[in-house]
mmCIF file of all heavy atoms, coordinates in Angstrom:
data_MODEL
# 
_entry.id   MODEL 
# 
loop_
_atom_site.group_PDB 
_atom_site.id 
_atom_site.type_symbol 
_atom_site.label_atom_id 
_atom_site.label_alt_id 
_atom_site.label_comp_id 
_atom_site.label_asym_id 
_atom_site.label_entity_id 
_atom_site.label_seq_id 
_atom_site.pdbx_PDB_ins_code 
_atom_site.Cartn_x 
_atom_site.Cartn_y 
_atom_site.Cartn_z 
_atom_site.occupancy 
_atom_site.B_iso_or_equiv 
_atom_site.pdbx_formal_charge 
_atom_site.auth_seq_id 
_atom_site.auth_comp_id 
_atom_site.auth_asym_id 
_atom_site.auth_atom_id 
_atom_site.pdbx_PDB_model_num 
ATOM 1   N N   . LEU A 1 1  ? 114.961 117.154 -37.395 1.00 0.00 ? 1  LEU A N   1 
ATOM 2   C CA  . LEU A 1 1  ? 115.220 115.968 -36.576 1.00 0.00 ? 1  LEU A CA  1 
ATOM 3   C C   . LEU A 1 1  ? 113.893 115.463 -35.993 1.00 0.00 ? 1  LEU A C   1 
ATOM 4   O O   . LEU A 1 1  ? 112.954 116.279 -35.832 1.00 0.00 ? 1  LEU A O   1 
ATOM 5   C CB  . LEU A 1 1  ? 116.168 116.341 -35.418 1.00 0.00 ? 1  LEU A CB  1 
ATOM 6   C CG  . LEU A 1 1  ? 117.521 116.937 -35.776 1.00 0.00 ? 1  LEU A CG  1 
ATOM 7   C CD1 . LEU A 1 1  ? 118.236 117.263 -34.504 1.00 0.00 ? 1  LEU A CD1 1 
ATOM 8   C CD2 . LEU A 1 1  ? 118.305 115.988 -36.654 1.00 0.00 ? 1  LEU A CD2 1 
ATOM 9   N N   . ASP A 1 2  ? 113.835 114.232 -35.673 1.00 0.00 ? 2  ASP A N   1 
ATOM 10  C CA  . ASP A 1 2  ? 112.696 113.683 -34.963 1.00 0.00 ? 2  ASP A CA  1 
ATOM 11  C C   . ASP A 1 2  ? 113.074 113.422 -33.527 1.00 0.00 ? 2  ASP A C   1 
ATOM 12  O O   . ASP A 1 2  ? 114.243 113.648 -33.133 1.00 0.00 ? 2  ASP A O   1 
ATOM 13  C CB  . ASP A 1 2  ? 112.126 112.407 -35.612 1.00 0.00 ? 2  ASP A CB  1 
ATOM 14  C CG  . ASP A 1 2  ? 113.113 111.255 -35.683 1.00 0.00 ? 2  ASP A CG  1 
ATOM 15  O OD1 . ASP A 1 2  ? 114.025 111.163 -34.833 1.00 0.00 ? 2  ASP A OD1 1 
ATOM 16  O OD2 . ASP A 1 2  ? 112.904 110.388 -36.553 1.00 0.00 ? 2  ASP A OD2 1 
ATOM 17  N N   . ALA A 1 3  ? 112.161 113.017 -32.711 1.00 0.00 ? 3  ALA A N   1 
ATOM 18  C CA  . ALA A 1 3  ? 112.419 112.819 -31.275 1.00 0.00 ? 3  ALA A CA  1 
ATOM 19  C C   . ALA A 1 3  ? 113.499 111.772 -31.016 1.00 0.00 ? 3  ALA A C   1 
ATOM 20  O O   . ALA A 1 3  ? 114.348 111.988 -30.121 1.00 0.00 ? 3  ALA A O   1 
ATOM 21  C CB  . ALA A 1 3  ? 111.111 112.431 -30.543 1.00 0.00 ? 3  ALA A CB  1 
ATOM 22  N N   . ASP A 1 4  ? 113.564 110.707 -31.794 1.00 0.00 ? 4  ASP A N   1 
ATOM 23  C CA  . ASP A 1 4  ? 114.581 109.716 -31.581 1.00 0.00 ? 4  ASP A CA  1 
ATOM 24  C C   . ASP A 1 4  ? 115.976 110.289 -31.863 1.00 0.00 ? 4  ASP A C   1 
ATOM 25  O O   . ASP A 1 4  ? 116.921 109.965 -31.164 1.00 0.00 ? 4  ASP A O   1 
ATOM 26  C CB  . ASP A 1 4  ? 114.289 108.484 -32.460 1.00 0.00 ? 4  ASP A CB  1 
ATOM 27  C CG  . ASP A 1 4  ? 113.110 107.666 -32.022 1.00 0.00 ? 4  ASP A CG  1 
ATOM 28  O OD1 . ASP A 1 4  ? 112.760 107.777 -30.822 1.00 0.00 ? 4  ASP A OD1 1 
ATOM 29  O OD2 . ASP A 1 4  ? 112.532 106.958 -32.843 1.00 0.00 ? 4  ASP A OD2 1 
ATOM 30  N N   . GLU A 1 5  ? 116.067 111.108 -32.900 1.00 0.00 ? 5  GLU A N   1 
ATOM 31  C CA  . GLU A 1 5  ? 117.356 111.713 -33.212 1.00 0.00 ? 5  GLU A CA  1 
ATOM 32  C C   . GLU A 1 5  ? 117.749 112.672 -32.109 1.00 0.00 ? 5  GLU A C   1 
ATOM 33  O O   . GLU A 1 5  ? 118.925 112.755 -31.722 1.00 0.00 ? 5  GLU A O   1 
ATOM 34  C CB  . GLU A 1 5  ? 117.275 112.447 -34.540 1.00 0.00 ? 5  GLU A CB  1 
ATOM 35  C CG  . GLU A 1 5  ? 117.174 111.502 -35.743 1.00 0.00 ? 5  GLU A CG  1 
ATOM 36  C CD  . GLU A 1 5  ? 116.819 112.195 -37.032 1.00 0.00 ? 5  GLU A CD  1 
ATOM 37  O OE1 . GLU A 1 5  ? 115.879 113.010 -37.060 1.00 0.00 ? 5  GLU A OE1 1 
ATOM 38  O OE2 . GLU A 1 5  ? 117.481 111.884 -38.022 1.00 0.00 ? 5  GLU A OE2 1 
ATOM 39  N N   . MET A 1 6  ? 116.794 113.414 -31.575 1.00 0.00 ? 6  MET A N   1 
ATOM 40  C CA  . MET A 1 6  ? 117.100 114.323 -30.486 1.00 0.00 ? 6  MET A CA  1 
ATOM 41  C C   . MET A 1 6  ? 117.681 113.514 -29.252 1.00 0.00 ? 6  MET A C   1 
ATOM 42  O O   . MET A 1 6  ? 118.706 113.910 -28.738 1.00 0.00 ? 6  MET A O   1 
ATOM 43  C CB  . MET A 1 6  ? 115.846 115.063 -30.011 1.00 0.00 ? 6  MET A CB  1 
ATOM 44  C CG  . MET A 1 6  ? 115.304 116.056 -31.019 1.00 0.00 ? 6  MET A CG  1 
ATOM 45  S SD  . MET A 1 6  ? 116.080 117.650 -30.866 1.00 0.00 ? 6  MET A SD  1 
ATOM 46  C CE  . MET A 1 6  ? 115.519 118.154 -29.305 1.00 0.00 ? 6  MET A CE  1 
ATOM 47  N N   . ARG A 1 7  ? 116.957 112.497 -28.922 1.00 0.00 ? 7  ARG A N   1 
ATOM 48  C CA  . ARG A 1 7  ? 117.412 111.646 -27.771 1.00 0.00 ? 7  ARG A CA  1 
ATOM 49  C C   . ARG A 1 7  ? 118.756 111.019 -28.073 1.00 0.00 ? 7  ARG A C   1 
ATOM 50  O O   . ARG A 1 7  ? 119.593 110.853 -27.202 1.00 0.00 ? 7  ARG A O   1 
ATOM 51  C CB  . ARG A 1 7  ? 116.339 110.600 -27.444 1.00 0.00 ? 7  ARG A CB  1 
ATOM 52  C CG  . ARG A 1 7  ? 115.132 111.163 -26.758 1.00 0.00 ? 7  ARG A CG  1 
ATOM 53  C CD  . ARG A 1 7  ? 114.195 110.012 -26.355 1.00 0.00 ? 7  ARG A CD  1 
ATOM 54  N NE  . ARG A 1 7  ? 112.872 110.544 -26.199 1.00 0.00 ? 7  ARG A NE  1 
ATOM 55  C CZ  . ARG A 1 7  ? 111.909 110.511 -27.152 1.00 0.00 ? 7  ARG A CZ  1 
ATOM 56  N NH1 . ARG A 1 7  ? 112.128 109.903 -28.312 1.00 0.00 ? 7  ARG A NH1 1 
ATOM 57  N NH2 . ARG A 1 7  ? 110.715 111.034 -26.949 1.00 0.00 ? 7  ARG A NH2 1 
ATOM 58  N N   . GLY A 1 8  ? 118.937 110.567 -29.300 1.00 0.00 ? 8  GLY A N   1 
ATOM 59  C CA  . GLY A 1 8  ? 120.191 109.946 -29.745 1.00 0.00 ? 8  GLY A CA  1 
ATOM 60  C C   . GLY A 1 8  ? 121.394 110.845 -29.548 1.00 0.00 ? 8  GLY A C   1 
ATOM 61  O O   . GLY A 1 8  ? 122.513 110.402 -29.317 1.00 0.00 ? 8  GLY A O   1 
ATOM 62  N N   . HIS A 1 9  ? 121.149 112.193 -29.638 1.00 0.00 ? 9  HIS A N   1 
ATOM 63  C CA  . HIS A 1 9  ? 122.230 113.140 -29.416 1.00 0.00 ? 9  HIS A CA  1 
ATOM 64  C C   . HIS A 1 9  ? 122.306 113.557 -27.932 1.00 0.00 ? 9  HIS A C   1 
ATOM 65  O O   . HIS A 1 9  ? 123.085 114.416 -27.572 1.00 0.00 ? 9  HIS A O   1 
ATOM 66  C CB  . HIS A 1 9  ? 122.021 114.394 -30.287 1.00 0.00 ? 9  HIS A CB  1 
ATOM 67  C CG  . HIS A 1 9  ? 122.274 114.145 -31.744 1.00 0.00 ? 9  HIS A CG  1 
ATOM 68  N ND1 . HIS A 1 9  ? 123.498 113.860 -32.226 1.00 0.00 ? 9  HIS A ND1 1 
ATOM 69  C CD2 . HIS A 1 9  ? 121.441 114.166 -32.811 1.00 0.00 ? 9  HIS A CD2 1 
ATOM 70  C CE1 . HIS A 1 9  ? 123.460 113.755 -33.554 1.00 0.00 ? 9  HIS A CE1 1 
ATOM 71  N NE2 . HIS A 1 9  ? 122.208 113.885 -33.910 1.00 0.00 ? 9  HIS A NE2 1 
ATOM 72  N N   . GLY A 1 10 ? 121.425 112.960 -27.115 1.00 0.00 ? 10 GLY A N   1 
ATOM 73  C CA  . GLY A 1 10 ? 121.477 113.247 -25.670 1.00 0.00 ? 10 GLY A CA  1 
ATOM 74  C C   . GLY A 1 10 ? 120.728 114.525 -25.307 1.00 0.00 ? 10 GLY A C   1 
ATOM 75  O O   . GLY A 1 10 ? 121.022 115.130 -24.301 1.00 0.00 ? 10 GLY A O   1 
ATOM 76  N N   . HIS A 1 11 ? 119.753 114.927 -26.135 1.00 0.00 ? 11 HIS A N   1 
ATOM 77  C CA  . HIS A 1 11 ? 119.041 116.161 -25.876 1.00 0.00 ? 11 HIS A CA  1 
ATOM 78  C C   . HIS A 1 11 ? 117.532 115.910 -25.632 1.00 0.00 ? 11 HIS A C   1 
ATOM 79  O O   . HIS A 1 11 ? 116.980 114.929 -26.136 1.00 0.00 ? 11 HIS A O   1 
ATOM 80  C CB  . HIS A 1 11 ? 119.219 117.149 -27.038 1.00 0.00 ? 11 HIS A CB  1 
ATOM 81  C CG  . HIS A 1 11 ? 120.663 117.439 -27.256 1.00 0.00 ? 11 HIS A CG  1 
ATOM 82  N ND1 . HIS A 1 11 ? 121.472 118.043 -26.345 1.00 0.00 ? 11 HIS A ND1 1 
ATOM 83  C CD2 . HIS A 1 11 ? 121.483 117.071 -28.267 1.00 0.00 ? 11 HIS A CD2 1 
ATOM 84  C CE1 . HIS A 1 11 ? 122.712 118.107 -26.784 1.00 0.00 ? 11 HIS A CE1 1 
ATOM 85  N NE2 . HIS A 1 11 ? 122.723 117.508 -27.956 1.00 0.00 ? 11 HIS A NE2 1 
ATOM 86  N N   . ASP A 1 12 ? 116.970 116.801 -24.914 1.00 0.00 ? 12 ASP A N   1 
ATOM 87  C CA  . ASP A 1 12 ? 115.578 116.703 -24.480 1.00 0.00 ? 12 ASP A CA  1 
ATOM 88  C C   . ASP A 1 12 ? 114.596 117.174 -25.581 1.00 0.00 ? 12 ASP A C   1 
ATOM 89  O O   . ASP A 1 12 ? 114.612 118.371 -25.891 1.00 0.00 ? 12 ASP A O   1 
ATOM 90  C CB  . ASP A 1 12 ? 115.370 117.474 -23.199 1.00 0.00 ? 12 ASP A CB  1 
ATOM 91  C CG  . ASP A 1 12 ? 113.951 117.431 -22.629 1.00 0.00 ? 12 ASP A CG  1 
ATOM 92  O OD1 . ASP A 1 12 ? 113.128 116.635 -23.173 1.00 0.00 ? 12 ASP A OD1 1 
ATOM 93  O OD2 . ASP A 1 12 ? 113.670 118.122 -21.691 1.00 0.00 ? 12 ASP A OD2 1 
ATOM 94  N N   . PRO A 1 13 ? 113.785 116.306 -26.149 1.00 0.00 ? 13 PRO A N   1 
ATOM 95  C CA  . PRO A 1 13 ? 112.799 116.756 -27.119 1.00 0.00 ? 13 PRO A CA  1 
ATOM 96  C C   . PRO A 1 13 ? 111.785 117.747 -26.541 1.00 0.00 ? 13 PRO A C   1 
ATOM 97  O O   . PRO A 1 13 ? 111.132 118.451 -27.323 1.00 0.00 ? 13 PRO A O   1 
ATOM 98  C CB  . PRO A 1 13 ? 112.103 115.477 -27.577 1.00 0.00 ? 13 PRO A CB  1 
ATOM 99  C CG  . PRO A 1 13 ? 112.994 114.372 -27.168 1.00 0.00 ? 13 PRO A CG  1 
ATOM 100 C CD  . PRO A 1 13 ? 113.758 114.873 -25.964 1.00 0.00 ? 13 PRO A CD  1 
ATOM 101 N N   . GLU A 1 14 ? 111.689 117.838 -25.263 1.00 0.00 ? 14 GLU A N   1 
ATOM 102 C CA  . GLU A 1 14 ? 110.720 118.768 -24.609 1.00 0.00 ? 14 GLU A CA  1 
ATOM 103 C C   . GLU A 1 14 ? 111.351 120.102 -24.319 1.00 0.00 ? 14 GLU A C   1 
ATOM 104 O O   . GLU A 1 14 ? 110.753 120.926 -23.616 1.00 0.00 ? 14 GLU A O   1 
ATOM 105 C CB  . GLU A 1 14 ? 110.163 118.145 -23.331 1.00 0.00 ? 14 GLU A CB  1 
ATOM 106 C CG  . GLU A 1 14 ? 109.421 116.831 -23.571 1.00 0.00 ? 14 GLU A CG  1 
ATOM 107 C CD  . GLU A 1 14 ? 108.266 116.976 -24.569 1.00 0.00 ? 14 GLU A CD  1 
ATOM 108 O OE1 . GLU A 1 14 ? 107.522 117.986 -24.459 1.00 0.00 ? 14 GLU A OE1 1 
ATOM 109 O OE2 . GLU A 1 14 ? 108.084 116.084 -25.397 1.00 0.00 ? 14 GLU A OE2 1 
ATOM 110 N N   . ASP A 1 15 ? 112.554 120.379 -24.763 1.00 0.00 ? 15 ASP A N   1 
ATOM 111 C CA  . ASP A 1 15 ? 113.219 121.647 -24.537 1.00 0.00 ? 15 ASP A CA  1 
ATOM 112 C C   . ASP A 1 15 ? 112.337 122.785 -25.016 1.00 0.00 ? 15 ASP A C   1 
ATOM 113 O O   . ASP A 1 15 ? 112.018 122.876 -26.188 1.00 0.00 ? 15 ASP A O   1 
ATOM 114 C CB  . ASP A 1 15 ? 114.587 121.720 -25.311 1.00 0.00 ? 15 ASP A CB  1 
ATOM 115 C CG  . ASP A 1 15 ? 115.400 122.956 -25.015 1.00 0.00 ? 15 ASP A CG  1 
ATOM 116 O OD1 . ASP A 1 15 ? 114.791 123.976 -24.611 1.00 0.00 ? 15 ASP A OD1 1 
ATOM 117 O OD2 . ASP A 1 15 ? 116.612 122.900 -25.170 1.00 0.00 ? 15 ASP A OD2 1 
ATOM 118 N N   . PRO A 1 16 ? 111.846 123.636 -24.086 1.00 0.00 ? 16 PRO A N   1 
ATOM 119 C CA  . PRO A 1 16 ? 110.891 124.690 -24.478 1.00 0.00 ? 16 PRO A CA  1 
ATOM 120 C C   . PRO A 1 16 ? 111.460 125.790 -25.327 1.00 0.00 ? 16 PRO A C   1 
ATOM 121 O O   . PRO A 1 16 ? 110.723 126.612 -25.903 1.00 0.00 ? 16 PRO A O   1 
ATOM 122 C CB  . PRO A 1 16 ? 110.390 125.211 -23.137 1.00 0.00 ? 16 PRO A CB  1 
ATOM 123 C CG  . PRO A 1 16 ? 111.535 125.023 -22.212 1.00 0.00 ? 16 PRO A CG  1 
ATOM 124 C CD  . PRO A 1 16 ? 112.163 123.726 -22.673 1.00 0.00 ? 16 PRO A CD  1 
ATOM 125 N N   . ASP A 1 17 ? 112.774 125.830 -25.471 1.00 0.00 ? 17 ASP A N   1 
ATOM 126 C CA  . ASP A 1 17 ? 113.417 126.916 -26.227 1.00 0.00 ? 17 ASP A CA  1 
ATOM 127 C C   . ASP A 1 17 ? 113.719 126.539 -27.658 1.00 0.00 ? 17 ASP A C   1 
ATOM 128 O O   . ASP A 1 17 ? 114.377 127.285 -28.421 1.00 0.00 ? 17 ASP A O   1 
ATOM 129 C CB  . ASP A 1 17 ? 114.695 127.376 -25.572 1.00 0.00 ? 17 ASP A CB  1 
ATOM 130 C CG  . ASP A 1 17 ? 114.443 128.043 -24.194 1.00 0.00 ? 17 ASP A CG  1 
ATOM 131 O OD1 . ASP A 1 17 ? 113.348 128.609 -24.040 1.00 0.00 ? 17 ASP A OD1 1 
ATOM 132 O OD2 . ASP A 1 17 ? 115.329 127.988 -23.333 1.00 0.00 ? 17 ASP A OD2 1 
ATOM 133 N N   . LEU A 1 18 ? 113.274 125.351 -28.072 1.00 0.00 ? 18 LEU A N   1 
ATOM 134 C CA  . LEU A 1 18 ? 113.479 124.916 -29.449 1.00 0.00 ? 18 LEU A CA  1 
ATOM 135 C C   . LEU A 1 18 ? 112.166 124.910 -30.231 1.00 0.00 ? 18 LEU A C   1 
ATOM 136 O O   . LEU A 1 18 ? 111.095 124.661 -29.655 1.00 0.00 ? 18 LEU A O   1 
ATOM 137 C CB  . LEU A 1 18 ? 114.064 123.507 -29.472 1.00 0.00 ? 18 LEU A CB  1 
ATOM 138 C CG  . LEU A 1 18 ? 115.527 123.393 -28.908 1.00 0.00 ? 18 LEU A CG  1 
ATOM 139 C CD1 . LEU A 1 18 ? 115.931 121.939 -28.872 1.00 0.00 ? 18 LEU A CD1 1 
ATOM 140 C CD2 . LEU A 1 18 ? 116.478 124.211 -29.723 1.00 0.00 ? 18 LEU A CD2 1 
ATOM 141 N N   . ILE A 1 19 ? 112.262 125.196 -31.493 1.00 0.00 ? 19 ILE A N   1 
ATOM 142 C CA  . ILE A 1 19 ? 111.100 125.137 -32.361 1.00 0.00 ? 19 ILE A CA  1 
ATOM 143 C C   . ILE A 1 19 ? 110.730 123.689 -32.541 1.00 0.00 ? 19 ILE A C   1 
ATOM 144 O O   . ILE A 1 19 ? 111.547 122.851 -32.902 1.00 0.00 ? 19 ILE A O   1 
ATOM 145 C CB  . ILE A 1 19 ? 111.408 125.786 -33.771 1.00 0.00 ? 19 ILE A CB  1 
ATOM 146 C CG1 . ILE A 1 19 ? 111.771 127.220 -33.638 1.00 0.00 ? 19 ILE A CG1 1 
ATOM 147 C CG2 . ILE A 1 19 ? 110.248 125.553 -34.708 1.00 0.00 ? 19 ILE A CG2 1 
ATOM 148 C CD1 . ILE A 1 19 ? 112.348 127.850 -34.884 1.00 0.00 ? 19 ILE A CD1 1 
ATOM 149 N N   . ARG A 1 20 ? 109.452 123.398 -32.325 1.00 0.00 ? 20 ARG A N   1 
ATOM 150 C CA  . ARG A 1 20 ? 108.877 122.064 -32.483 1.00 0.00 ? 20 ARG A CA  1 
ATOM 151 C C   . ARG A 1 20 ? 107.691 122.254 -33.399 1.00 0.00 ? 20 ARG A C   1 
ATOM 152 O O   . ARG A 1 20 ? 106.793 123.023 -33.092 1.00 0.00 ? 20 ARG A O   1 
ATOM 153 C CB  . ARG A 1 20 ? 108.410 121.566 -31.083 1.00 0.00 ? 20 ARG A CB  1 
ATOM 154 C CG  . ARG A 1 20 ? 108.754 120.227 -30.780 1.00 0.00 ? 20 ARG A CG  1 
ATOM 155 C CD  . ARG A 1 20 ? 108.267 119.758 -29.383 1.00 0.00 ? 20 ARG A CD  1 
ATOM 156 N NE  . ARG A 1 20 ? 107.630 120.686 -28.487 1.00 0.00 ? 20 ARG A NE  1 
ATOM 157 C CZ  . ARG A 1 20 ? 108.219 121.253 -27.411 1.00 0.00 ? 20 ARG A CZ  1 
ATOM 158 N NH1 . ARG A 1 20 ? 109.447 120.995 -27.133 1.00 0.00 ? 20 ARG A NH1 1 
ATOM 159 N NH2 . ARG A 1 20 ? 107.537 122.053 -26.679 1.00 0.00 ? 20 ARG A NH2 1 
ATOM 160 N N   . LEU A 1 21 ? 107.675 121.520 -34.495 1.00 0.00 ? 21 LEU A N   1 
ATOM 161 C CA  . LEU A 1 21 ? 106.554 121.719 -35.486 1.00 0.00 ? 21 LEU A CA  1 
ATOM 162 C C   . LEU A 1 21 ? 105.924 120.347 -35.763 1.00 0.00 ? 21 LEU A C   1 
ATOM 163 O O   . LEU A 1 21 ? 106.612 119.294 -35.776 1.00 0.00 ? 21 LEU A O   1 
ATOM 164 C CB  . LEU A 1 21 ? 107.071 122.235 -36.769 1.00 0.00 ? 21 LEU A CB  1 
ATOM 165 C CG  . LEU A 1 21 ? 107.784 123.572 -36.734 1.00 0.00 ? 21 LEU A CG  1 
ATOM 166 C CD1 . LEU A 1 21 ? 108.448 123.903 -38.092 1.00 0.00 ? 21 LEU A CD1 1 
ATOM 167 C CD2 . LEU A 1 21 ? 106.806 124.702 -36.387 1.00 0.00 ? 21 LEU A CD2 1 
ATOM 168 N N   . ASP A 1 22 ? 104.623 120.361 -35.934 1.00 0.00 ? 22 ASP A N   1 
ATOM 169 C CA  . ASP A 1 22 ? 103.927 119.141 -36.367 1.00 0.00 ? 22 ASP A CA  1 
ATOM 170 C C   . ASP A 1 22 ? 103.889 119.168 -37.924 1.00 0.00 ? 22 ASP A C   1 
ATOM 171 O O   . ASP A 1 22 ? 103.319 120.046 -38.516 1.00 0.00 ? 22 ASP A O   1 
ATOM 172 C CB  . ASP A 1 22 ? 102.518 119.143 -35.813 1.00 0.00 ? 22 ASP A CB  1 
ATOM 173 C CG  . ASP A 1 22 ? 102.492 118.868 -34.322 1.00 0.00 ? 22 ASP A CG  1 
ATOM 174 O OD1 . ASP A 1 22 ? 103.347 118.080 -33.853 1.00 0.00 ? 22 ASP A OD1 1 
ATOM 175 O OD2 . ASP A 1 22 ? 101.639 119.413 -33.623 1.00 0.00 ? 22 ASP A OD2 1 
ATOM 176 N N   . ILE A 1 23 ? 104.565 118.139 -38.463 1.00 0.00 ? 23 ILE A N   1 
ATOM 177 C CA  . ILE A 1 23 ? 104.626 118.051 -39.931 1.00 0.00 ? 23 ILE A CA  1 
ATOM 178 C C   . ILE A 1 23 ? 104.123 116.665 -40.327 1.00 0.00 ? 23 ILE A C   1 
ATOM 179 O O   . ILE A 1 23 ? 104.707 115.622 -39.913 1.00 0.00 ? 23 ILE A O   1 
ATOM 180 C CB  . ILE A 1 23 ? 106.080 118.246 -40.393 1.00 0.00 ? 23 ILE A CB  1 
ATOM 181 C CG1 . ILE A 1 23 ? 106.607 119.600 -39.999 1.00 0.00 ? 23 ILE A CG1 1 
ATOM 182 C CG2 . ILE A 1 23 ? 106.160 118.070 -41.956 1.00 0.00 ? 23 ILE A CG2 1 
ATOM 183 C CD1 . ILE A 1 23 ? 108.073 119.819 -40.220 1.00 0.00 ? 23 ILE A CD1 1 
ATOM 184 N N   . ASP A 1 24 ? 103.028 116.615 -41.069 1.00 0.00 ? 24 ASP A N   1 
ATOM 185 C CA  . ASP A 1 24 ? 102.452 115.339 -41.507 1.00 0.00 ? 24 ASP A CA  1 
ATOM 186 C C   . ASP A 1 24 ? 102.188 114.442 -40.320 1.00 0.00 ? 24 ASP A C   1 
ATOM 187 O O   . ASP A 1 24 ? 102.481 113.208 -40.366 1.00 0.00 ? 24 ASP A O   1 
ATOM 188 C CB  . ASP A 1 24 ? 103.344 114.679 -42.537 1.00 0.00 ? 24 ASP A CB  1 
ATOM 189 C CG  . ASP A 1 24 ? 103.496 115.481 -43.827 1.00 0.00 ? 24 ASP A CG  1 
ATOM 190 O OD1 . ASP A 1 24 ? 102.480 116.215 -44.142 1.00 0.00 ? 24 ASP A OD1 1 
ATOM 191 O OD2 . ASP A 1 24 ? 104.504 115.427 -44.465 1.00 0.00 ? 24 ASP A OD2 1 
ATOM 192 N N   . GLY A 1 25 ? 101.721 114.983 -39.222 1.00 0.00 ? 25 GLY A N   1 
ATOM 193 C CA  . GLY A 1 25 ? 101.374 114.145 -38.070 1.00 0.00 ? 25 GLY A CA  1 
ATOM 194 C C   . GLY A 1 25 ? 102.551 113.711 -37.186 1.00 0.00 ? 25 GLY A C   1 
ATOM 195 O O   . GLY A 1 25 ? 102.380 112.980 -36.251 1.00 0.00 ? 25 GLY A O   1 
# 
């Protein structure tokens, strides 16, 4: 998912308990 999809589901993209990866910038 990207940040817009996260927000679209009502979730915080900054959630520290989720894996966040930089992929192709």
